[in-house]
Amino acid sequence: MVDMFLDFMLGPMRGISQFYFEYQLIFNSIIVGIAGYFLVKKRKKSNETH
């Protein structure tokens, strides 16, 4: 019954979410890496102006 509700509410996103949950560690590592890169880049840029 829960699967029926999830299929109804999520529709085509259900397949994408299953793919994401399988590779969640990889996706989260990429997102954290990109955020860290932008933080370092921003900090380096603010140090150059001072």
Protein backbone atom coordinates (compact mmCIF):
# COMPACT_ATOMS: atom_id res chain seq x y z
CA MET A 1 0.00 0.00 0.00
CA VAL A 2 2.84 2.40 0.79
CA ASP A 3 4.44 1.65 -2.58
CA MET A 4 1.17 2.53 -4.30
CA PHE A 5 1.07 5.93 -2.57
CA LEU A 6 4.72 6.61 -3.36
CA ASP A 7 4.17 5.73 -7.02
CA PHE A 8 1.18 8.06 -7.14
CA MET A 9 2.87 10.97 -5.35
CA LEU A 10 6.32 10.75 -6.93
CA GLY A 11 5.40 9.44 -10.36
CA PRO A 12 8.43 9.39 -12.66
CA MET A 13 10.67 10.77 -9.90
CA ARG A 14 10.50 7.39 -8.19
CA GLY A 15 13.07 5.88 -10.57
CA ILE A 16 15.38 8.86 -10.19
CA SER A 17 15.19 8.69 -6.40
CA GLN A 18 16.08 4.99 -6.42
CA PHE A 19 19.13 5.75 -8.57
CA TYR A 20 20.11 8.58 -6.19
CA PHE A 21 19.76 6.40 -3.09
CA GLU A 22 21.98 3.72 -4.65
CA TYR A 23 24.77 6.20 -5.31
CA GLN A 24 24.06 8.64 -2.48
CA LEU A 25 27.62 8.59 -1.09
CA ILE A 26 29.08 9.57 -4.47
CA PHE A 27 26.55 12.36 -5.11
CA ASN A 28 26.91 13.81 -1.62
CA SER A 29 30.72 13.74 -1.88
CA ILE A 30 30.56 15.65 -5.16
CA ILE A 31 28.19 18.26 -3.72
CA VAL A 32 30.32 18.77 -0.59
CA GLY A 33 33.45 18.99 -2.75
CA ILE A 34 31.93 21.66 -5.00
CA ALA A 35 30.70 23.66 -2.00
CA GLY A 36 34.16 23.45 -0.39
CA TYR A 37 35.79 24.58 -3.64
CA PHE A 38 33.55 27.64 -3.84
CA LEU A 39 34.20 28.49 -0.17
CA VAL A 40 37.96 28.33 -0.67
CA LYS A 41 37.71 30.30 -3.90
CA LYS A 42 35.61 32.99 -2.18
CA ARG A 43 37.99 33.17 0.79
CA LYS A 44 41.01 33.43 -1.50
CA LYS A 45 39.31 36.21 -3.50
CA SER A 46 38.48 38.20 -0.33
CA ASN A 47 42.09 37.86 0.89
CA GLU A 48 43.41 39.27 -2.40
CA THR A 49 41.31 42.44 -2.04
CA HIS A 50 42.60 43.18 1.49
